[in-house]
Amino acid sequence: MKASTTDLQQQLETLRLAYVERLQQDLPALLQQAQALPDTPSELWQQQATQLMAALHTLAGSAGTFGLTQLGESAKQLEQQVKHWLHAGIQPDVAAYRDVITGITLLSRLSETGAESPVFTVDAGRQPATTSIYLCCADSALKEQISIMLDIFGYANRQFTGFAALREAVAAQRPAVVIADADQPGAVAELQLIQNEQKTALPLLLVSNKTDFNSYLDAVRIGAVGYYSRPLNTTELEAGVRKQLSGAEREPFRVMLVDDDQMLAQHYALVLQQGGLMVEILPQPAHIFDALNRFHPDVILLDVNMPFCSGPELAQLVRLQQSWLGVPIIYLSSETDSEQQLAALIKAGDDFITKPISDTALLVAVFARAQRARQLAEIMTRDSLTGLLQHAHIKERLALEMLRSERSGQPVSVVMLDIDHFKKVNDNYGHLVGDQVIANLANLLKQQLRKTDLVGRYGGEEFLLVLPECTLQRAFEVIEQIRELFAGLPFSSNEQRFFCTFSAGISAVAGITAADVVIEKADQALYKAKTSGRNRVILAQPPAAG
């Protein structure tokens, strides 16, 4: 659960005060470094000057984050001066030393000028007060068609025949989604009135006979996020409902943060966590591979200048592993030199954020990158019709679950599932209707199974399910329930209504080390279900006693 905005401000203020207190130690040490530099032997001078520049670089990047903007800017100017000395390759004169030492002395005064805690505001989002769906429809046939779909898929819903009753219900309790027949008299004006009374627009799905430009434009203007023409394809409508509900169900984006300044890393982590992201701080770059395999980040945030291993070097290490070629890497640094930024980006980076960065800008940048990365990953691994894992990827996930089961001793059940007489559906109603049947079953599986369960389209009308921490008996009960729901789901084509069923075979991974073997056992059970009359679930072996 996210902390409240007040709690976040308190935590950020606590961090800021701790940072200011730390400066009381860091700045005198920095001054001693600068004062010792003129007397440093020539063979050690470059090393000591580099350390001084690195310390100023860290200070320049962190001070602004904690509200000490002027301190950060002054530290950046001093860093550039020392950097100029190093690039020139010669030790400066006494006057140049004196200017830098004086500048560092002044930094102590800037740290005492009463920095303000950075203000961070959080949009709590548009979480509905309920997950109920409101259906407003006066057409009895259309209402029955939609309500059957909602009931079968288990969506809590309330039904209204007029907009006055809908408006009153919305005022009493905000729904998650509104589905409305846009062909009812005055529908656009009534829905606009309801939307005007909301602080944030209701997710609105419209069903209509009209497909002209003006009707679509009216829909957009009243806040519609879905528009479905009649005759209604309930598969598409259910997908639209699921999309609107998926925001709360989506697993939070994962961010791995690598920065040698732990206090700054904690500040960034607080900001990102309050924005709904999961964050793991990696204090030791040497542990990067273990952390990647355990945490599976959507985005990696890397400081550029770190001791022992720079950000670009660490990024290149990550890219050596093919599994992590697609994860976005964002550099975080106070480096403002465009050539240095480009040099870092060429070495395995995707974006460059300059410190200091406002909390809101950081959250937006990271969220946008994570969202695009996950969308791209889904496109590459998911079946386009169903959104389920593709054949190769569901087998890979099965192999991983089998390894996890071997370590933990937890049961895993595997289900092979096939739609009965599917060729007749294509022959009698066409391939487009057949696709609707496949998509509806996929949606039903996603809706009925747990988030931890894995569902893949194995091929054609065949599906492979992996159910972690699930016994054979429990798997049988779950799949049997889904079988009954699917058998009651009506389909239509050219005003003809028909129903479909599926058969399934279930096996357990216990004692099996190869994914192909456990799939074969489930497939044999599926074959037995088919030859035994179809529309049934068969276990590959009886469940163990107890």
Protein backbone atom coordinates (compact mmCIF):
# COMPACT_ATOMS: atom_id res chain seq x y z
CA MET A 1 0.00 0.00 0.00
CA LYS A 2 1.27 3.45 -0.87
CA ALA A 3 1.94 5.87 1.94
CA SER A 4 -0.17 9.01 2.19
CA THR A 5 1.16 12.25 0.74
CA THR A 6 1.65 13.58 4.29
CA ASP A 7 3.68 10.51 5.27
CA LEU A 8 5.79 10.86 2.14
CA GLN A 9 6.53 14.52 2.85
CA GLN A 10 7.58 13.58 6.37
CA GLN A 11 9.91 10.87 5.10
CA LEU A 12 11.41 13.20 2.50
CA GLU A 13 11.90 15.89 5.13
CA THR A 14 13.62 13.39 7.43
CA LEU A 15 15.95 12.43 4.58
CA ARG A 16 16.65 16.10 3.80
CA LEU A 17 17.56 16.87 7.41
CA ALA A 18 19.84 13.82 7.49
CA TYR A 19 21.48 15.03 4.27
CA VAL A 20 22.08 18.51 5.70
CA GLU A 21 23.58 16.90 8.80
CA ARG A 22 25.83 14.76 6.63
CA LEU A 23 27.10 17.88 4.87
CA GLN A 24 28.53 19.06 8.19
CA GLN A 25 31.00 16.19 7.83
CA ASP A 26 31.36 16.00 4.05
CA LEU A 27 32.13 19.69 3.40
CA PRO A 28 35.03 19.98 5.89
CA ALA A 29 36.50 16.78 4.40
CA LEU A 30 36.08 18.28 0.92
CA LEU A 31 37.84 21.44 2.04
CA GLN A 32 40.74 19.41 3.43
CA GLN A 33 41.08 17.64 0.09
CA ALA A 34 41.28 20.95 -1.74
CA GLN A 35 43.72 22.48 0.75
CA ALA A 36 46.03 19.46 0.49
CA LEU A 37 46.07 19.46 -3.31
CA PRO A 38 48.72 22.23 -3.82
CA ASP A 39 51.23 20.28 -1.72
CA THR A 40 50.50 16.92 -3.32
CA PRO A 41 53.51 15.29 -5.05
CA SER A 42 53.27 15.53 -8.83
CA GLU A 43 53.04 11.75 -9.28
CA LEU A 44 49.93 11.66 -7.04
CA TRP A 45 48.40 14.97 -8.07
CA GLN A 46 46.16 13.65 -10.87
CA GLN A 47 44.75 10.92 -8.64
CA GLN A 48 43.96 13.38 -5.83
CA ALA A 49 42.48 15.95 -8.23
CA THR A 50 40.25 13.25 -9.76
CA GLN A 51 38.97 12.32 -6.29
CA LEU A 52 38.23 15.98 -5.55
CA MET A 53 36.35 16.32 -8.84
CA ALA A 54 34.33 13.15 -8.11
CA ALA A 55 33.34 14.46 -4.67
CA LEU A 56 32.23 17.78 -6.16
CA HIS A 57 30.32 15.88 -8.88
CA THR A 58 28.40 13.88 -6.27
CA LEU A 59 27.61 17.04 -4.31
CA ALA A 60 26.42 18.84 -7.46
CA GLY A 61 24.05 15.99 -8.28
CA SER A 62 22.53 15.53 -4.83
CA ALA A 63 22.24 19.03 -3.32
CA GLY A 64 19.46 20.24 -5.61
CA THR A 65 17.41 17.09 -4.93
CA PHE A 66 17.36 17.99 -1.25
CA GLY A 67 16.40 21.63 -1.83
CA LEU A 68 19.93 23.14 -1.80
CA THR A 69 19.82 24.43 -5.34
CA GLN A 70 22.43 27.18 -5.00
CA LEU A 71 24.83 24.82 -3.25
CA GLY A 72 24.48 22.32 -6.08
CA GLU A 73 25.08 24.95 -8.77
CA SER A 74 28.19 26.25 -6.97
CA ALA A 75 29.53 22.71 -6.57
CA LYS A 76 28.97 22.15 -10.29
CA GLN A 77 31.03 25.24 -11.18
CA LEU A 78 33.87 24.09 -8.92
CA GLU A 79 33.71 20.60 -10.45
CA GLN A 80 34.08 22.11 -13.93
CA GLN A 81 37.12 24.10 -12.76
CA VAL A 82 38.91 21.01 -11.44
CA LYS A 83 37.89 19.11 -14.58
CA HIS A 84 39.53 21.85 -16.65
CA TRP A 85 42.78 21.38 -14.67
CA LEU A 86 42.76 17.65 -15.39
CA HIS A 87 42.06 18.11 -19.10
CA ALA A 88 44.86 20.67 -19.36
CA GLY A 89 47.23 18.13 -17.85
CA ILE A 90 49.15 20.69 -15.77
CA GLN A 91 48.90 21.79 -12.18
CA PRO A 92 47.26 25.24 -11.73
CA ASP A 93 48.86 28.29 -10.22
CA VAL A 94 48.38 29.51 -6.64
CA ALA A 95 45.57 31.90 -7.57
CA ALA A 96 43.55 29.12 -9.19
CA TYR A 97 43.98 26.94 -6.12
CA ARG A 98 42.90 29.81 -3.91
CA ASP A 99 39.71 30.38 -5.95
CA VAL A 100 38.63 26.75 -5.62
CA ILE A 101 39.47 26.59 -1.91
CA THR A 102 37.51 29.81 -1.31
CA GLY A 103 34.60 28.43 -3.31
CA ILE A 104 34.51 25.24 -1.24
CA THR A 105 34.63 27.31 1.95
CA LEU A 106 31.57 29.20 0.77
CA LEU A 107 29.73 25.92 0.22
CA SER A 108 29.50 25.48 3.99
CA ARG A 109 27.65 28.79 4.27
CA LEU A 110 25.25 27.79 1.48
CA SER A 111 24.41 24.59 3.33
CA GLU A 112 23.25 26.66 6.31
CA THR A 113 20.94 29.05 4.44
CA GLY A 114 17.76 27.14 5.19
CA ALA A 115 17.04 24.83 2.30
CA GLU A 116 13.42 24.13 1.59
CA SER A 117 12.18 20.60 1.38
CA PRO A 118 11.31 19.81 -2.24
CA VAL A 119 7.57 19.72 -2.83
CA PHE A 120 6.21 16.52 -4.30
CA THR A 121 2.57 16.16 -5.17
CA VAL A 122 1.01 12.83 -5.98
CA ASP A 123 -2.00 12.22 -8.15
CA ALA A 124 -3.88 9.51 -6.33
CA GLY A 125 -5.26 8.35 -9.67
CA ARG A 126 -8.77 7.48 -10.63
CA GLN A 127 -9.35 4.45 -8.46
CA PRO A 128 -13.09 3.79 -8.40
CA ALA A 129 -14.93 3.41 -5.12
CA THR A 130 -16.24 0.08 -6.39
CA THR A 131 -15.43 -2.46 -9.10
CA SER A 132 -19.08 -2.63 -10.10
CA ILE A 133 -20.12 -2.07 -13.70
CA TYR A 134 -23.19 0.04 -14.46
CA LEU A 135 -25.19 -0.94 -17.57
CA CYS A 136 -27.74 1.53 -18.93
CA CYS A 137 -29.79 0.06 -21.75
CA ALA A 138 -33.48 0.16 -22.67
CA ASP A 139 -33.20 -2.42 -25.48
CA SER A 140 -34.13 -5.69 -23.76
CA ALA A 141 -32.33 -7.95 -26.27
CA LEU A 142 -29.11 -5.93 -26.07
CA LYS A 143 -29.33 -5.73 -22.28
CA GLU A 144 -29.75 -9.52 -22.05
CA GLN A 145 -26.77 -10.11 -24.36
CA ILE A 146 -24.49 -7.84 -22.32
CA SER A 147 -25.73 -8.99 -18.92
CA ILE A 148 -25.15 -12.67 -19.81
CA MET A 149 -21.57 -11.82 -20.74
CA LEU A 150 -21.04 -9.86 -17.51
CA ASP A 151 -22.51 -12.65 -15.37
CA ILE A 152 -20.52 -15.43 -17.04
CA PHE A 153 -17.28 -13.51 -16.64
CA GLY A 154 -18.13 -12.78 -13.02
CA TYR A 155 -18.39 -8.97 -13.22
CA ALA A 156 -20.51 -7.40 -10.51
CA ASN A 157 -23.03 -5.18 -12.30
CA ARG A 158 -26.13 -3.05 -11.85
CA GLN A 159 -28.61 -2.43 -14.64
CA PHE A 160 -30.65 0.71 -15.45
CA THR A 161 -33.23 1.41 -18.12
CA GLY A 162 -32.97 5.22 -17.91
CA PHE A 163 -30.32 7.87 -17.41
CA ALA A 164 -32.05 9.48 -14.43
CA ALA A 165 -31.61 6.31 -12.38
CA LEU A 166 -28.05 5.92 -13.67
CA ARG A 167 -27.19 9.49 -12.67
CA GLU A 168 -28.58 8.96 -9.16
CA ALA A 169 -26.61 5.70 -8.73
CA VAL A 170 -23.37 7.30 -9.94
CA ALA A 171 -23.83 10.14 -7.46
CA ALA A 172 -24.25 7.61 -4.64
CA GLN A 173 -21.34 5.36 -5.61
CA ARG A 174 -18.89 5.77 -8.47
CA PRO A 175 -18.66 2.66 -10.69
CA ALA A 176 -15.55 1.22 -12.27
CA VAL A 177 -17.06 1.29 -15.78
CA VAL A 178 -20.29 2.51 -17.40
CA ILE A 179 -21.69 0.66 -20.42
CA ALA A 180 -24.46 2.57 -22.21
CA ASP A 181 -26.63 2.20 -25.28
CA ALA A 182 -25.85 5.40 -27.19
CA ASP A 183 -28.95 5.01 -29.39
CA GLN A 184 -31.33 5.85 -26.53
CA PRO A 185 -33.03 9.26 -26.95
CA GLY A 186 -30.87 12.06 -25.54
CA ALA A 187 -28.07 9.67 -24.63
CA VAL A 188 -25.20 12.01 -25.51
CA ALA A 189 -26.63 14.96 -23.56
CA GLU A 190 -27.54 12.82 -20.53
CA LEU A 191 -24.12 11.18 -20.39
CA GLN A 192 -22.40 14.53 -20.77
CA LEU A 193 -24.41 15.82 -17.80
CA ILE A 194 -23.29 12.85 -15.71
CA GLN A 195 -19.65 13.36 -16.74
CA ASN A 196 -19.82 17.08 -15.87
CA GLU A 197 -20.69 16.15 -12.28
CA GLN A 198 -17.54 14.01 -11.89
CA LYS A 199 -14.16 15.21 -10.64
CA THR A 200 -12.57 12.81 -13.13
CA ALA A 201 -14.35 11.35 -16.15
CA LEU A 202 -16.05 7.98 -15.82
CA PRO A 203 -14.68 5.23 -18.09
CA LEU A 204 -17.52 5.05 -20.61
CA LEU A 205 -18.13 2.22 -23.12
CA LEU A 206 -20.80 2.95 -25.75
CA VAL A 207 -22.80 0.57 -27.94
CA SER A 208 -24.49 2.01 -31.05
CA ASN A 209 -25.86 1.33 -34.52
CA LYS A 210 -24.14 4.49 -35.78
CA THR A 211 -20.65 4.38 -37.28
CA ASP A 212 -20.40 7.84 -38.83
CA PHE A 213 -17.70 10.38 -37.97
CA ASN A 214 -19.96 12.69 -35.95
CA SER A 215 -21.15 9.84 -33.72
CA TYR A 216 -17.57 8.89 -32.94
CA LEU A 217 -16.73 12.54 -32.29
CA ASP A 218 -19.67 12.92 -29.89
CA ALA A 219 -18.48 9.79 -28.08
CA VAL A 220 -14.97 11.18 -27.64
CA ARG A 221 -16.33 14.51 -26.38
CA ILE A 222 -18.32 12.87 -23.60
CA GLY A 223 -15.32 10.83 -22.46
CA ALA A 224 -15.95 7.47 -24.14
CA VAL A 225 -12.99 5.09 -24.01
CA GLY A 226 -14.67 2.41 -26.12
CA TYR A 227 -17.21 2.40 -28.97
CA TYR A 228 -18.83 -0.84 -30.18
CA SER A 229 -21.07 -1.04 -33.21
CA ARG A 230 -24.03 -3.37 -33.48
CA PRO A 231 -24.49 -6.28 -33.94
CA LEU A 232 -22.43 -6.34 -30.75
CA ASN A 233 -19.30 -8.48 -30.48
CA THR A 234 -19.35 -9.29 -26.75
CA THR A 235 -15.76 -10.55 -26.96
CA GLU A 236 -14.58 -7.07 -27.87
CA LEU A 237 -16.79 -5.49 -25.21
CA GLU A 238 -15.43 -7.82 -22.53
CA ALA A 239 -11.89 -6.97 -23.62
CA GLY A 240 -12.78 -3.29 -23.23
CA VAL A 241 -14.15 -3.87 -19.74
CA ARG A 242 -11.05 -5.85 -18.77
CA LYS A 243 -8.79 -3.10 -20.11
CA GLN A 244 -10.48 -0.51 -17.88
CA LEU A 245 -10.21 -2.76 -14.85
CA SER A 246 -6.64 -3.81 -15.57
CA GLY A 247 -5.06 -0.65 -14.13
CA ALA A 248 -5.69 -1.79 -10.57
CA GLU A 249 -4.78 -5.39 -11.44
CA ARG A 250 -1.53 -4.63 -13.26
CA GLU A 251 1.61 -5.64 -11.45
CA PRO A 252 3.54 -2.50 -10.48
CA PHE A 253 6.46 -1.54 -12.68
CA ARG A 254 9.80 -2.60 -11.20
CA VAL A 255 12.75 -0.23 -11.01
CA MET A 256 16.29 -1.17 -10.02
CA LEU A 257 18.28 1.79 -8.72
CA VAL A 258 22.09 1.73 -8.62
CA ASP A 259 23.68 4.78 -7.00
CA ASP A 260 26.64 4.95 -4.63
CA ASP A 261 25.00 7.86 -2.76
CA GLN A 262 22.60 5.84 -0.60
CA MET A 263 20.79 8.85 0.81
CA LEU A 264 20.04 10.14 -2.68
CA ALA A 265 19.00 6.64 -3.76
CA GLN A 266 16.57 6.45 -0.83
CA HIS A 267 15.05 9.79 -1.85
CA TYR A 268 14.52 8.59 -5.43
CA ALA A 269 13.10 5.30 -4.16
CA LEU A 270 10.55 7.07 -1.93
CA VAL A 271 9.37 9.24 -4.81
CA LEU A 272 9.01 6.30 -7.21
CA GLN A 273 7.32 4.08 -4.63
CA GLN A 274 4.76 6.77 -3.89
CA GLY A 275 4.05 6.86 -7.61
CA GLY A 276 3.10 3.18 -7.47
CA LEU A 277 6.39 1.64 -8.66
CA MET A 278 8.37 -1.11 -6.95
CA VAL A 279 11.98 -0.11 -6.30
CA GLU A 280 15.04 -2.07 -5.29
CA ILE A 281 18.24 -0.21 -4.37
CA LEU A 282 21.39 -2.08 -5.33
CA PRO A 283 24.27 -0.78 -3.18
CA GLN A 284 26.86 -3.18 -4.64
CA PRO A 285 27.15 -3.29 -8.46
CA ALA A 286 28.91 -6.66 -8.17
CA HIS A 287 25.54 -8.20 -7.20
CA ILE A 288 23.80 -6.99 -10.37
CA PHE A 289 23.17 -10.41 -11.96
CA ASP A 290 21.70 -11.98 -8.83
CA ALA A 291 19.47 -8.92 -8.41
CA LEU A 292 18.32 -9.01 -12.04
CA ASN A 293 17.33 -12.67 -11.89
CA ARG A 294 15.50 -12.19 -8.60
CA PHE A 295 13.83 -8.80 -9.14
CA HIS A 296 13.22 -8.74 -12.94
CA PRO A 297 13.21 -4.93 -13.33
CA ASP A 298 11.32 -3.10 -16.06
CA VAL A 299 13.85 -0.23 -15.87
CA ILE A 300 17.38 0.17 -14.49
CA LEU A 301 18.50 3.57 -13.15
CA LEU A 302 22.29 3.92 -13.08
CA ASP A 303 24.49 6.62 -11.64
CA VAL A 304 27.25 7.38 -14.17
CA ASN A 305 30.14 8.06 -11.80
CA MET A 306 30.56 5.33 -9.19
CA PRO A 307 33.70 3.98 -7.54
CA PHE A 308 35.22 0.75 -8.91
CA CYS A 309 32.60 0.43 -11.69
CA SER A 310 31.09 3.27 -13.72
CA GLY A 311 27.48 3.33 -14.88
CA PRO A 312 28.35 2.74 -18.56
CA GLU A 313 30.59 -0.19 -17.59
CA LEU A 314 27.79 -1.72 -15.54
CA ALA A 315 25.34 -1.17 -18.40
CA GLN A 316 27.64 -3.04 -20.77
CA LEU A 317 27.88 -5.89 -18.26
CA VAL A 318 24.08 -6.13 -18.24
CA ARG A 319 23.95 -6.15 -22.05
CA LEU A 320 26.34 -9.12 -22.16
CA GLN A 321 23.38 -11.21 -20.95
CA GLN A 322 20.89 -11.76 -23.77
CA SER A 323 18.03 -12.03 -21.27
CA TRP A 324 18.46 -8.35 -20.39
CA LEU A 325 19.02 -6.82 -23.83
CA GLY A 326 15.53 -5.31 -23.80
CA VAL A 327 15.45 -3.72 -20.33
CA PRO A 328 15.77 0.11 -20.60
CA ILE A 329 18.79 1.65 -18.86
CA ILE A 330 18.53 5.27 -17.76
CA TYR A 331 21.64 7.10 -16.63
CA LEU A 332 21.36 9.51 -13.70
CA SER A 333 24.17 12.05 -13.47
CA SER A 334 24.96 15.70 -12.87
CA GLU A 335 27.09 15.56 -16.04
CA THR A 336 25.94 18.38 -18.35
CA ASP A 337 28.54 17.97 -21.09
CA SER A 338 26.57 16.75 -24.11
CA GLU A 339 29.54 14.84 -25.53
CA GLN A 340 29.97 12.96 -22.25
CA GLN A 341 26.26 12.19 -22.17
CA LEU A 342 26.34 10.84 -25.73
CA ALA A 343 29.42 8.77 -24.93
CA ALA A 344 27.53 7.19 -22.01
CA LEU A 345 24.42 6.55 -24.12
CA ILE A 346 26.45 4.83 -26.83
CA LYS A 347 27.66 2.39 -24.20
CA ALA A 348 24.40 0.47 -23.73
CA GLY A 349 22.20 3.29 -22.38
CA ASP A 350 18.71 4.32 -23.49
CA ASP A 351 18.21 7.70 -21.81
CA PHE A 352 20.10 10.29 -19.78
CA ILE A 353 18.61 12.25 -16.87
CA THR A 354 20.59 15.16 -15.50
CA LYS A 355 20.73 15.69 -11.75
CA PRO A 356 19.16 17.45 -10.02
CA ILE A 357 15.77 16.46 -11.40
CA SER A 358 12.41 17.32 -9.88
CA ASP A 359 10.55 14.47 -8.24
CA THR A 360 7.63 14.71 -10.65
CA ALA A 361 9.91 14.74 -13.72
CA LEU A 362 11.77 11.67 -12.43
CA LEU A 363 8.54 9.76 -11.83
CA VAL A 364 7.12 10.63 -15.26
CA ALA A 365 10.35 9.73 -17.07
CA VAL A 366 10.75 6.38 -15.34
CA PHE A 367 7.05 5.47 -15.56
CA ALA A 368 6.92 6.23 -19.30
CA ARG A 369 10.02 4.13 -19.99
CA ALA A 370 8.75 1.22 -17.88
CA GLN A 371 5.34 1.29 -19.54
CA ARG A 372 6.79 1.23 -23.06
CA ALA A 373 9.24 -1.52 -22.13
CA ARG A 374 6.52 -3.76 -20.74
CA GLN A 375 4.26 -3.11 -23.74
CA LEU A 376 7.09 -4.03 -26.10
CA ALA A 377 7.88 -7.16 -24.10
CA GLU A 378 4.24 -8.22 -24.29
CA ILE A 379 4.12 -7.65 -28.04
CA MET A 380 7.19 -9.84 -28.46
CA THR A 381 5.96 -12.68 -26.23
CA ARG A 382 2.15 -12.57 -26.53
CA ASP A 383 -0.22 -13.98 -29.10
CA SER A 384 -1.86 -11.14 -31.05
CA LEU A 385 -5.42 -12.55 -30.97
CA THR A 386 -5.65 -13.62 -27.34
CA GLY A 387 -2.93 -11.70 -25.52
CA LEU A 388 -1.72 -15.00 -24.09
CA LEU A 389 1.87 -16.22 -24.02
CA GLN A 390 3.07 -17.69 -27.30
CA HIS A 391 3.97 -21.37 -27.67
CA ALA A 392 7.71 -21.04 -27.01
CA HIS A 393 7.30 -18.62 -24.11
CA ILE A 394 4.71 -20.65 -22.19
CA LYS A 395 7.05 -23.66 -22.44
CA GLU A 396 9.93 -21.54 -21.10
CA ARG A 397 7.80 -20.39 -18.18
CA LEU A 398 6.77 -23.98 -17.48
CA ALA A 399 10.43 -25.01 -17.29
CA LEU A 400 11.10 -22.20 -14.78
CA GLU A 401 8.13 -23.21 -12.65
CA MET A 402 9.34 -26.81 -12.66
CA LEU A 403 12.75 -25.70 -11.33
CA ARG A 404 11.04 -23.56 -8.68
CA SER A 405 8.84 -26.50 -7.71
CA GLU A 406 11.87 -28.76 -7.37
CA ARG A 407 13.49 -26.28 -4.97
CA SER A 408 10.39 -25.46 -2.91
CA GLY A 409 8.59 -28.80 -2.98
CA GLN A 410 5.35 -27.04 -3.96
CA PRO A 411 3.04 -28.80 -6.46
CA VAL A 412 2.53 -27.53 -10.01
CA SER A 413 -0.28 -28.70 -12.28
CA VAL A 414 -0.21 -28.48 -16.07
CA VAL A 415 -3.36 -28.36 -18.21
CA MET A 416 -3.74 -29.04 -21.93
CA LEU A 417 -7.08 -27.65 -23.12
CA ASP A 418 -8.70 -27.88 -26.56
CA ILE A 419 -11.99 -26.47 -27.94
CA ASP A 420 -14.32 -29.29 -29.05
CA HIS A 421 -15.34 -29.57 -32.73
CA PHE A 422 -13.66 -26.27 -33.50
CA LYS A 423 -13.34 -27.08 -37.20
CA LYS A 424 -17.15 -27.17 -37.40
CA VAL A 425 -17.30 -23.66 -35.90
CA ASN A 426 -15.03 -22.35 -38.66
CA ASP A 427 -16.88 -24.29 -41.35
CA ASN A 428 -20.37 -23.26 -40.21
CA TYR A 429 -19.79 -19.67 -39.08
CA GLY A 430 -16.48 -18.56 -40.58
CA HIS A 431 -12.99 -17.95 -39.26
CA LEU A 432 -13.82 -14.52 -37.81
CA VAL A 433 -16.43 -16.09 -35.54
CA GLY A 434 -13.95 -18.85 -34.74
CA ASP A 435 -11.47 -16.18 -33.63
CA GLN A 436 -14.18 -14.74 -31.36
CA VAL A 437 -14.63 -18.15 -29.72
CA ILE A 438 -10.87 -18.49 -29.12
CA ALA A 439 -10.62 -14.93 -27.79
CA ASN A 440 -13.60 -15.43 -25.48
CA LEU A 441 -12.11 -18.58 -23.99
CA ALA A 442 -8.78 -16.77 -23.53
CA ASN A 443 -10.56 -13.91 -21.76
CA LEU A 444 -12.44 -16.34 -19.54
CA LEU A 445 -9.21 -18.11 -18.56
CA LYS A 446 -7.51 -14.81 -17.71
CA GLN A 447 -10.52 -13.71 -15.71
CA GLN A 448 -10.98 -16.92 -13.74
CA LEU A 449 -7.39 -17.92 -13.01
CA ARG A 450 -5.00 -16.35 -10.50
CA LYS A 451 -2.42 -13.73 -11.40
CA THR A 452 0.28 -16.27 -10.62
CA ASP A 453 -1.15 -18.80 -13.09
CA LEU A 454 0.34 -18.89 -16.59
CA VAL A 455 -1.79 -19.24 -19.72
CA GLY A 456 -0.46 -19.74 -23.25
CA ARG A 457 -1.93 -20.31 -26.66
CA TYR A 458 -0.22 -23.55 -27.57
CA GLY A 459 -1.51 -23.62 -31.14
CA GLY A 460 -4.78 -23.01 -32.97
CA GLU A 461 -7.60 -23.75 -30.54
CA GLU A 462 -5.29 -25.46 -28.00
CA PHE A 463 -4.15 -23.84 -24.74
CA LEU A 464 -1.47 -24.71 -22.19
CA LEU A 465 -1.99 -23.69 -18.55
CA VAL A 466 0.62 -23.78 -15.78
CA LEU A 467 -0.82 -23.60 -12.25
CA PRO A 468 1.89 -23.11 -9.57
CA GLU A 469 1.24 -24.26 -6.00
CA CYS A 470 -1.82 -26.14 -7.18
CA THR A 471 -2.58 -29.82 -6.55
CA LEU A 472 -4.14 -32.04 -9.19
CA GLN A 473 -7.45 -32.13 -7.32
CA ARG A 474 -7.59 -28.34 -6.99
CA ALA A 475 -6.64 -27.95 -10.67
CA PHE A 476 -9.46 -30.32 -11.61
CA GLU A 477 -11.97 -28.25 -9.61
CA VAL A 478 -10.84 -24.96 -11.16
CA ILE A 479 -10.82 -26.22 -14.77
CA GLU A 480 -14.15 -27.98 -14.27
CA GLN A 481 -15.69 -24.70 -13.11
CA ILE A 482 -14.28 -22.85 -16.14
CA ARG A 483 -15.55 -25.64 -18.42
CA GLU A 484 -19.08 -25.16 -17.11
CA LEU A 485 -18.88 -21.37 -17.52
CA PHE A 486 -17.60 -21.65 -21.08
CA ALA A 487 -20.31 -24.15 -22.00
CA GLY A 488 -22.92 -21.56 -20.96
CA LEU A 489 -21.37 -18.70 -22.92
CA PRO A 490 -23.54 -17.93 -25.98
CA PHE A 491 -22.07 -17.02 -29.37
CA SER A 492 -23.95 -15.63 -32.33
CA SER A 493 -23.50 -15.38 -36.10
CA ASN A 494 -26.08 -14.06 -38.54
CA GLU A 495 -28.66 -14.06 -35.75
CA GLN A 496 -27.91 -17.73 -35.03
CA ARG A 497 -26.99 -18.55 -31.43
CA PHE A 498 -24.66 -21.46 -30.66
CA PHE A 499 -22.51 -22.76 -27.79
CA CYS A 500 -19.07 -24.32 -27.56
CA THR A 501 -17.33 -26.64 -25.11
CA PHE A 502 -13.77 -27.70 -24.41
CA SER A 503 -11.95 -30.79 -23.18
CA ALA A 504 -8.91 -30.77 -20.90
CA GLY A 505 -6.20 -33.06 -19.55
CA ILE A 506 -4.22 -32.33 -16.38
CA SER A 507 -0.85 -33.66 -15.22
CA ALA A 508 1.48 -32.92 -12.30
CA VAL A 509 5.17 -32.03 -12.55
CA ALA A 510 6.15 -34.07 -9.48
CA GLY A 511 9.03 -36.41 -10.31
CA ILE A 512 9.32 -35.08 -13.88
CA THR A 513 12.35 -33.03 -14.95
CA ALA A 514 11.53 -32.26 -18.60
CA ALA A 515 8.78 -29.84 -19.67
CA ASP A 516 8.00 -31.88 -22.80
CA VAL A 517 7.29 -34.96 -20.68
CA VAL A 518 4.77 -33.27 -18.40
CA ILE A 519 3.10 -31.65 -21.45
CA GLU A 520 2.90 -35.07 -23.13
CA LYS A 521 1.19 -36.56 -20.08
CA ALA A 522 -1.37 -33.75 -20.04
CA ASP A 523 -1.87 -34.19 -23.78
CA GLN A 524 -2.53 -37.92 -23.33
CA ALA A 525 -5.16 -37.09 -20.70
CA LEU A 526 -6.67 -34.56 -23.13
CA TYR A 527 -6.82 -37.24 -25.83
CA LYS A 528 -8.63 -39.51 -23.39
CA ALA A 529 -11.14 -36.72 -22.66
CA LYS A 530 -11.74 -36.31 -26.39
CA THR A 531 -12.25 -40.02 -27.03
CA SER A 532 -14.50 -40.33 -23.97
CA GLY A 533 -17.10 -37.97 -25.40
CA ARG A 534 -15.53 -34.49 -25.09
CA ASN A 535 -16.68 -31.62 -22.84
CA ARG A 536 -14.89 -33.09 -19.84
CA VAL A 537 -11.70 -32.88 -17.75
CA ILE A 538 -9.43 -35.90 -17.25
CA LEU A 539 -6.50 -36.29 -14.84
CA ALA A 540 -3.33 -37.94 -16.14
CA GLN A 541 -3.02 -39.75 -12.83
CA PRO A 542 -5.16 -39.82 -9.70
CA PRO A 543 -4.30 -37.22 -7.02
CA ALA A 544 -2.11 -38.38 -4.14
CA ALA A 545 -3.94 -39.34 -0.95
CA GLY A 546 -4.44 -36.39 1.39
